[in-house]
Amino acid sequence: MLINPEHAVLSVSRQCELLELPRSTYYVQPAGKTSLNLELMVRLDEEESRHPLYGYRKMTEYRNECGYQINRKRVSR
């Protein structure tokens, strides 16, 4: 970790300033993976191995036909 909150000489604010990092970036907590998202990723991987030539548009169409309402941007990610 680049920033050490227990540093004796430099405050967190100063450390962020030296790294040219907004202080809000230091405090933000990344969102975790949801169970639905993990399930979709597993199923997309399975389908990709069966249909390697499907692009994100075809895969989105296939997933929507199977009952998942997902956006093409999520499939392309």
PDB file of N, CA and C in Angstrom:
ATOM      1  N   MET A   1       0.848  -1.172   0.000  1.00  0.00           N
ATOM      2  CA  MET A   1       0.000   0.000   0.000  1.00  0.00           C
ATOM      3  C   MET A   1       0.896   1.238   0.000  1.00  0.00           C
ATOM      4  N   LEU A   2       0.571   2.171  -0.839  1.00  0.00           N
ATOM      5  CA  LEU A   2       1.404   3.355  -0.968  1.00  0.00           C
ATOM      6  C   LEU A   2       1.219   4.351   0.174  1.00  0.00           C
ATOM      7  N   ILE A   3       0.031   4.375   0.758  1.00  0.00           N
ATOM      8  CA  ILE A   3      -0.256   5.332   1.824  1.00  0.00           C
ATOM      9  C   ILE A   3      -0.317   4.587   3.152  1.00  0.00           C
ATOM     10  N   ASN A   4       0.440   5.080   4.119  1.00  0.00           N
ATOM     11  CA  ASN A   4       0.480   4.477   5.438  1.00  0.00           C
ATOM     12  C   ASN A   4      -0.163   5.440   6.430  1.00  0.00           C
ATOM     13  N   PRO A   5      -1.358   5.120   6.959  1.00  0.00           N
ATOM     14  CA  PRO A   5      -2.035   6.031   7.879  1.00  0.00           C
ATOM     15  C   PRO A   5      -1.306   6.185   9.224  1.00  0.00           C
ATOM     16  N   GLU A   6      -0.439   5.245   9.585  1.00  0.00           N
ATOM     17  CA  GLU A   6       0.292   5.337  10.847  1.00  0.00           C
ATOM     18  C   GLU A   6       1.648   6.023  10.697  1.00  0.00           C
ATOM     19  N   HIS A   7       1.911   6.630   9.576  1.00  0.00           N
ATOM     20  CA  HIS A   7       3.192   7.293   9.350  1.00  0.00           C
ATOM     21  C   HIS A   7       3.345   8.425  10.354  1.00  0.00           C
ATOM     22  N   ALA A   8       4.490   8.486  11.019  1.00  0.00           N
ATOM     23  CA  ALA A   8       4.710   9.435  12.114  1.00  0.00           C
ATOM     24  C   ALA A   8       4.895  10.868  11.629  1.00  0.00           C
ATOM     25  N   VAL A   9       5.448  11.045  10.444  1.00  0.00           N
ATOM     26  CA  VAL A   9       5.792  12.388  10.000  1.00  0.00           C
ATOM     27  C   VAL A   9       4.746  12.982   9.050  1.00  0.00           C
ATOM     28  N   LEU A  10       4.281  12.189   8.097  1.00  0.00           N
ATOM     29  CA  LEU A  10       3.366  12.695   7.074  1.00  0.00           C
ATOM     30  C   LEU A  10       1.928  12.277   7.339  1.00  0.00           C
ATOM     31  N   SER A  11       1.019  13.225   7.221  1.00  0.00           N
ATOM     32  CA  SER A  11      -0.406  12.916   7.369  1.00  0.00           C
ATOM     33  C   SER A  11      -0.911  12.236   6.100  1.00  0.00           C
ATOM     34  N   VAL A  12      -2.099  11.656   6.179  1.00  0.00           N
ATOM     35  CA  VAL A  12      -2.708  11.021   5.013  1.00  0.00           C
ATOM     36  C   VAL A  12      -2.909  12.063   3.918  1.00  0.00           C
ATOM     37  N   SER A  13      -3.327  13.255   4.292  1.00  0.00           N
ATOM     38  CA  SER A  13      -3.530  14.323   3.311  1.00  0.00           C
ATOM     39  C   SER A  13      -2.247  14.635   2.556  1.00  0.00           C
ATOM     40  N   ARG A  14      -1.152  14.742   3.275  1.00  0.00           N
ATOM     41  CA  ARG A  14       0.131  15.069   2.656  1.00  0.00           C
ATOM     42  C   ARG A  14       0.619  13.930   1.762  1.00  0.00           C
ATOM     43  N   GLN A  15       0.447  12.698   2.221  1.00  0.00           N
ATOM     44  CA  GLN A  15       0.850  11.545   1.417  1.00  0.00           C
ATOM     45  C   GLN A  15       0.062  11.499   0.105  1.00  0.00           C
ATOM     46  N   CYS A  16      -1.232  11.765   0.184  1.00  0.00           N
ATOM     47  CA  CYS A  16      -2.058  11.796  -1.033  1.00  0.00           C
ATOM     48  C   CYS A  16      -1.607  12.917  -1.957  1.00  0.00           C
ATOM     49  N   GLU A  17      -1.284  14.048  -1.377  1.00  0.00           N
ATOM     50  CA  GLU A  17      -0.813  15.180  -2.172  1.00  0.00           C
ATOM     51  C   GLU A  17       0.484  14.839  -2.898  1.00  0.00           C
ATOM     52  N   LEU A  18       1.410  14.188  -2.214  1.00  0.00           N
ATOM     53  CA  LEU A  18       2.679  13.814  -2.832  1.00  0.00           C
ATOM     54  C   LEU A  18       2.499  12.796  -3.956  1.00  0.00           C
ATOM     55  N   LEU A  19       1.498  11.928  -3.815  1.00  0.00           N
ATOM     56  CA  LEU A  19       1.222  10.923  -4.841  1.00  0.00           C
ATOM     57  C   LEU A  19       0.305  11.450  -5.945  1.00  0.00           C
ATOM     58  N   GLU A  20      -0.117  12.705  -5.800  1.00  0.00           N
ATOM     59  CA  GLU A  20      -1.066  13.312  -6.725  1.00  0.00           C
ATOM     60  C   GLU A  20      -2.321  12.460  -6.836  1.00  0.00           C
ATOM     61  N   LEU A  21      -2.826  12.054  -5.690  1.00  0.00           N
ATOM     62  CA  LEU A  21      -3.991  11.196  -5.567  1.00  0.00           C
ATOM     63  C   LEU A  21      -5.057  11.937  -4.771  1.00  0.00           C
ATOM     64  N   PRO A  22      -6.278  12.043  -5.283  1.00  0.00           N
ATOM     65  CA  PRO A  22      -7.326  12.677  -4.483  1.00  0.00           C
ATOM     66  C   PRO A  22      -7.551  11.898  -3.185  1.00  0.00           C
ATOM     67  N   ARG A  23      -7.740  12.612  -2.099  1.00  0.00           N
ATOM     68  CA  ARG A  23      -7.918  11.959  -0.805  1.00  0.00           C
ATOM     69  C   ARG A  23      -9.160  11.073  -0.794  1.00  0.00           C
ATOM     70  N   SER A  24     -10.184  11.454  -1.544  1.00  0.00           N
ATOM     71  CA  SER A  24     -11.401  10.646  -1.604  1.00  0.00           C
ATOM     72  C   SER A  24     -11.130   9.269  -2.199  1.00  0.00           C
ATOM     73  N   THR A  25     -10.154   9.169  -3.102  1.00  0.00           N
ATOM     74  CA  THR A  25      -9.783   7.883  -3.687  1.00  0.00           C
ATOM     75  C   THR A  25      -9.200   6.951  -2.633  1.00  0.00           C
ATOM     76  N   TYR A  26      -8.484   7.508  -1.683  1.00  0.00           N
ATOM     77  CA  TYR A  26      -7.900   6.700  -0.606  1.00  0.00           C
ATOM     78  C   TYR A  26      -8.993   6.088   0.262  1.00  0.00           C
ATOM     79  N   TYR A  27     -10.084   6.834   0.507  1.00  0.00           N
ATOM     80  CA  TYR A  27     -11.110   6.377   1.424  1.00  0.00           C
ATOM     81  C   TYR A  27     -12.195   5.517   0.786  1.00  0.00           C
ATOM     82  N   VAL A  28     -12.291   5.480  -0.512  1.00  0.00           N
ATOM     83  CA  VAL A  28     -13.369   4.742  -1.170  1.00  0.00           C
ATOM     84  C   VAL A  28     -13.156   3.232  -1.026  1.00  0.00           C
ATOM     85  N   GLN A  29     -14.243   2.501  -0.839  1.00  0.00           N
ATOM     86  CA  GLN A  29     -14.220   1.044  -0.748  1.00  0.00           C
ATOM     87  C   GLN A  29     -14.827   0.474  -2.026  1.00  0.00           C
ATOM     88  N   PRO A  30     -14.123  -0.383  -2.755  1.00  0.00           N
ATOM     89  CA  PRO A  30     -14.687  -0.937  -3.989  1.00  0.00           C
ATOM     90  C   PRO A  30     -15.883  -1.840  -3.697  1.00  0.00           C
ATOM     91  N   ALA A  31     -16.843  -1.815  -4.605  1.00  0.00           N
ATOM     92  CA  ALA A  31     -18.030  -2.663  -4.462  1.00  0.00           C
ATOM     93  C   ALA A  31     -17.641  -4.114  -4.727  1.00  0.00           C
ATOM     94  N   GLY A  32     -18.230  -5.010  -3.982  1.00  0.00           N
ATOM     95  CA  GLY A  32     -17.934  -6.429  -4.152  1.00  0.00           C
ATOM     96  C   GLY A  32     -18.750  -7.048  -5.269  1.00  0.00           C
ATOM     97  N   LYS A  33     -18.463  -8.265  -5.579  1.00  0.00           N
ATOM     98  CA  LYS A  33     -19.185  -9.000  -6.611  1.00  0.00           C
ATOM     99  C   LYS A  33     -20.472  -9.571  -6.017  1.00  0.00           C
ATOM    100  N   THR A  34     -21.573  -9.424  -6.754  1.00  0.00           N
ATOM    101  CA  THR A  34     -22.836  -9.985  -6.297  1.00  0.00           C
ATOM    102  C   THR A  34     -22.947 -11.429  -6.777  1.00  0.00           C
ATOM    103  N   SER A  35     -23.824 -12.188  -6.132  1.00  0.00           N
ATOM    104  CA  SER A  35     -23.998 -13.587  -6.524  1.00  0.00           C
ATOM    105  C   SER A  35     -24.580 -13.688  -7.934  1.00  0.00           C
ATOM    106  N   LEU A  36     -25.473 -12.751  -8.300  1.00  0.00           N
ATOM    107  CA  LEU A  36     -26.027 -12.754  -9.649  1.00  0.00           C
ATOM    108  C   LEU A  36     -24.932 -12.504 -10.677  1.00  0.00           C
ATOM    109  N   ASN A  37     -24.061 -11.564 -10.400  1.00  0.00           N
ATOM    110  CA  ASN A  37     -22.980 -11.252 -11.324  1.00  0.00           C
ATOM    111  C   ASN A  37     -22.029 -12.444 -11.479  1.00  0.00           C
ATOM    112  N   LEU A  38     -21.709 -13.105 -10.386  1.00  0.00           N
ATOM    113  CA  LEU A  38     -20.837 -14.287 -10.455  1.00  0.00           C
ATOM    114  C   LEU A  38     -21.491 -15.403 -11.265  1.00  0.00           C
ATOM    115  N   GLU A  39     -22.793 -15.607 -11.062  1.00  0.00           N
ATOM    116  CA  GLU A  39     -23.511 -16.635 -11.809  1.00  0.00           C
ATOM    117  C   GLU A  39     -23.513 -16.317 -13.308  1.00  0.00           C
ATOM    118  N   LEU A  40     -23.743 -15.042 -13.639  1.00  0.00           N
ATOM    119  CA  LEU A  40     -23.738 -14.643 -15.049  1.00  0.00           C
ATOM    120  C   LEU A  40     -22.367 -14.851 -15.681  1.00  0.00           C
ATOM    121  N   MET A  41     -21.315 -14.531 -14.953  1.00  0.00           N
ATOM    122  CA  MET A  41     -19.969 -14.711 -15.494  1.00  0.00           C
ATOM    123  C   MET A  41     -19.673 -16.183 -15.753  1.00  0.00           C
ATOM    124  N   VAL A  42     -20.089 -17.054 -14.850  1.00  0.00           N
ATOM    125  CA  VAL A  42     -19.869 -18.491 -15.037  1.00  0.00           C
ATOM    126  C   VAL A  42     -20.631 -18.987 -16.258  1.00  0.00           C
ATOM    127  N   ARG A  43     -21.893 -18.584 -16.371  1.00  0.00           N
ATOM    128  CA  ARG A  43     -22.709 -19.035 -17.504  1.00  0.00           C
ATOM    129  C   ARG A  43     -22.194 -18.481 -18.832  1.00  0.00           C
ATOM    130  N   LEU A  44     -21.732 -17.231 -18.820  1.00  0.00           N
ATOM    131  CA  LEU A  44     -21.171 -16.658 -20.046  1.00  0.00           C
ATOM    132  C   LEU A  44     -19.895 -17.390 -20.461  1.00  0.00           C
ATOM    133  N   ASP A  45     -19.084 -17.762 -19.489  1.00  0.00           N
ATOM    134  CA  ASP A  45     -17.868 -18.527 -19.801  1.00  0.00           C
ATOM    135  C   ASP A  45     -18.210 -19.886 -20.401  1.00  0.00           C
ATOM    136  N   GLU A  46     -19.249 -20.544 -19.847  1.00  0.00           N
ATOM    137  CA  GLU A  46     -19.671 -21.837 -20.380  1.00  0.00           C
ATOM    138  C   GLU A  46     -20.142 -21.706 -21.820  1.00  0.00           C
ATOM    139  N   GLU A  47     -20.972 -20.687 -22.068  1.00  0.00           N
ATOM    140  CA  GLU A  47     -21.499 -20.492 -23.420  1.00  0.00           C
ATOM    141  C   GLU A  47     -20.402 -20.082 -24.394  1.00  0.00           C
ATOM    142  N   GLU A  48     -19.444 -19.323 -23.927  1.00  0.00           N
ATOM    143  CA  GLU A  48     -18.350 -18.905 -24.802  1.00  0.00           C
ATOM    144  C   GLU A  48     -17.527 -20.108 -25.252  1.00  0.00           C
ATOM    145  N   SER A  49     -17.382 -21.093 -24.373  1.00  0.00           N
ATOM    146  CA  SER A  49     -16.628 -22.284 -24.769  1.00  0.00           C
ATOM    147  C   SER A  49     -17.419 -23.114 -25.777  1.00  0.00           C
ATOM    148  N   ARG A  50     -18.758 -23.086 -25.698  1.00  0.00           N
ATOM    149  CA  ARG A  50     -19.588 -23.825 -26.651  1.00  0.00           C
ATOM    150  C   ARG A  50     -19.735 -23.093 -27.982  1.00  0.00           C
ATOM    151  N   HIS A  51     -19.798 -21.757 -27.912  1.00  0.00           N
ATOM    152  CA  HIS A  51     -19.983 -20.931 -29.112  1.00  0.00           C
ATOM    153  C   HIS A  51     -18.884 -19.876 -29.169  1.00  0.00           C
ATOM    154  N   PRO A  52     -17.676 -20.253 -29.532  1.00  0.00           N
ATOM    155  CA  PRO A  52     -16.553 -19.310 -29.470  1.00  0.00           C
ATOM    156  C   PRO A  52     -16.658 -18.154 -30.460  1.00  0.00           C
ATOM    157  N   LEU A  53     -17.499 -18.285 -31.486  1.00  0.00           N
ATOM    158  CA  LEU A  53     -17.597 -17.228 -32.488  1.00  0.00           C
ATOM    159  C   LEU A  53     -18.684 -16.205 -32.173  1.00  0.00           C
ATOM    160  N   TYR A  54     -19.451 -16.427 -31.099  1.00  0.00           N
ATOM    161  CA  TYR A  54     -20.477 -15.458 -30.715  1.00  0.00           C
ATOM    162  C   TYR A  54     -19.804 -14.198 -30.186  1.00  0.00           C
ATOM    163  N   GLY A  55     -20.249 -13.066 -30.658  1.00  0.00           N
ATOM    164  CA  GLY A  55     -19.786 -11.791 -30.126  1.00  0.00           C
ATOM    165  C   GLY A  55     -20.664 -11.373 -28.956  1.00  0.00           C
ATOM    166  N   TYR A  56     -20.448 -10.171 -28.457  1.00  0.00           N
ATOM    167  CA  TYR A  56     -21.228  -9.737 -27.299  1.00  0.00           C
ATOM    168  C   TYR A  56     -22.693  -9.523 -27.661  1.00  0.00           C
ATOM    169  N   ARG A  57     -22.986  -9.132 -28.905  1.00  0.00           N
ATOM    170  CA  ARG A  57     -24.386  -8.920 -29.288  1.00  0.00           C
ATOM    171  C   ARG A  57     -25.156 -10.238 -29.329  1.00  0.00           C
ATOM    172  N   LYS A  58     -24.564 -11.232 -29.958  1.00  0.00           N
ATOM    173  CA  LYS A  58     -25.208 -12.542 -30.059  1.00  0.00           C
ATOM    174  C   LYS A  58     -25.326 -13.186 -28.677  1.00  0.00           C
ATOM    175  N   MET A  59     -24.294 -13.026 -27.855  1.00  0.00           N
ATOM    176  CA  MET A  59     -24.321 -13.593 -26.509  1.00  0.00           C
ATOM    177  C   MET A  59     -25.390 -12.896 -25.662  1.00  0.00           C
ATOM    178  N   THR A  60     -25.559 -11.587 -25.826  1.00  0.00           N
ATOM    179  CA  THR A  60     -26.606 -10.860 -25.100  1.00  0.00           C
ATOM    180  C   THR A  60     -27.978 -11.369 -25.517  1.00  0.00           C
ATOM    181  N   GLU A  61     -28.159 -11.537 -26.815  1.00  0.00           N
ATOM    182  CA  GLU A  61     -29.432 -12.046 -27.327  1.00  0.00           C
ATOM    183  C   GLU A  61     -29.717 -13.440 -26.764  1.00  0.00           C
ATOM    184  N   TYR A  62     -28.713 -14.281 -26.744  1.00  0.00           N
ATOM    185  CA  TYR A  62     -28.863 -15.645 -26.225  1.00  0.00           C
ATOM    186  C   TYR A  62     -29.228 -15.634 -24.741  1.00  0.00           C
ATOM    187  N   ARG A  63     -28.533 -14.819 -23.962  1.00  0.00           N
ATOM    188  CA  ARG A  63     -28.797 -14.729 -22.526  1.00  0.00           C
ATOM    189  C   ARG A  63     -30.206 -14.210 -22.262  1.00  0.00           C
ATOM    190  N   ASN A  64     -30.658 -13.233 -23.042  1.00  0.00           N
ATOM    191  CA  ASN A  64     -32.006 -12.696 -22.861  1.00  0.00           C
ATOM    192  C   ASN A  64     -33.063 -13.733 -23.216  1.00  0.00           C
ATOM    193  N   GLU A  65     -32.795 -14.573 -24.217  1.00  0.00           N
ATOM    194  CA  GLU A  65     -33.716 -15.654 -24.563  1.00  0.00           C
ATOM    195  C   GLU A  65     -33.797 -16.691 -23.450  1.00  0.00           C
ATOM    196  N   CYS A  66     -32.706 -16.851 -22.696  1.00  0.00           N
ATOM    197  CA  CYS A  66     -32.676 -17.823 -21.595  1.00  0.00           C
ATOM    198  C   CYS A  66     -33.319 -17.280 -20.318  1.00  0.00           C
ATOM    199  N   GLY A  67     -33.763 -16.039 -20.332  1.00  0.00           N
ATOM    200  CA  GLY A  67     -34.458 -15.505 -19.170  1.00  0.00           C
ATOM    201  C   GLY A  67     -33.687 -14.481 -18.366  1.00  0.00           C
ATOM    202  N   TYR A  68     -32.447 -14.222 -18.705  1.00  0.00           N
ATOM    203  CA  TYR A  68     -31.662 -13.195 -18.017  1.00  0.00           C
ATOM    204  C   TYR A  68     -31.834 -11.879 -18.756  1.00  0.00           C
ATOM    205  N   GLN A  69     -32.251 -10.847 -18.075  1.00  0.00           N
ATOM    206  CA  GLN A  69     -32.357  -9.524 -18.686  1.00  0.00           C
ATOM    207  C   GLN A  69     -31.077  -8.764 -18.382  1.00  0.00           C
ATOM    208  N   ILE A  70     -30.106  -8.876 -19.281  1.00  0.00           N
ATOM    209  CA  ILE A  70     -28.837  -8.191 -19.079  1.00  0.00           C
ATOM    210  C   ILE A  70     -28.537  -7.296 -20.267  1.00  0.00           C
ATOM    211  N   ASN A  71     -27.767  -6.275 -20.015  1.00  0.00           N
ATOM    212  CA  ASN A  71     -27.410  -5.283 -21.004  1.00  0.00           C
ATOM    213  C   ASN A  71     -26.179  -5.756 -21.774  1.00  0.00           C
ATOM    214  N   ARG A  72     -26.044  -5.294 -23.005  1.00  0.00           N
ATOM    215  CA  ARG A  72     -24.904  -5.679 -23.837  1.00  0.00           C
ATOM    216  C   ARG A  72     -23.584  -5.220 -23.244  1.00  0.00           C
ATOM    217  N   LYS A  73     -23.617  -4.100 -22.500  1.00  0.00           N
ATOM    218  CA  LYS A  73     -22.377  -3.592 -21.896  1.00  0.00           C
ATOM    219  C   LYS A  73     -21.868  -4.543 -20.810  1.00  0.00           C
ATOM    220  N   ARG A  74     -22.786  -5.149 -20.083  1.00  0.00           N
ATOM    221  CA  ARG A  74     -22.366  -6.106 -19.052  1.00  0.00           C
ATOM    222  C   ARG A  74     -21.749  -7.342 -19.693  1.00  0.00           C
ATOM    223  N   VAL A  75     -22.311  -7.784 -20.798  1.00  0.00           N
ATOM    224  CA  VAL A  75     -21.773  -8.959 -21.497  1.00  0.00           C
ATOM    225  C   VAL A  75     -20.392  -8.642 -22.058  1.00  0.00           C
ATOM    226  N   SER A  76     -20.215  -7.466 -22.619  1.00  0.00           N
ATOM    227  CA  SER A  76     -18.910  -7.130 -23.199  1.00  0.00           C
ATOM    228  C   SER A  76     -17.839  -6.961 -22.146  1.00  0.00           C
ATOM    229  N   ARG A  77     -18.221  -6.559 -20.932  1.00  0.00           N
ATOM    230  CA  ARG A  77     -17.233  -6.470 -19.837  1.00  0.00           C
ATOM    231  C   ARG A  77     -16.780  -7.854 -19.447  1.00  0.00           C
TER     232      ARG A  77
END
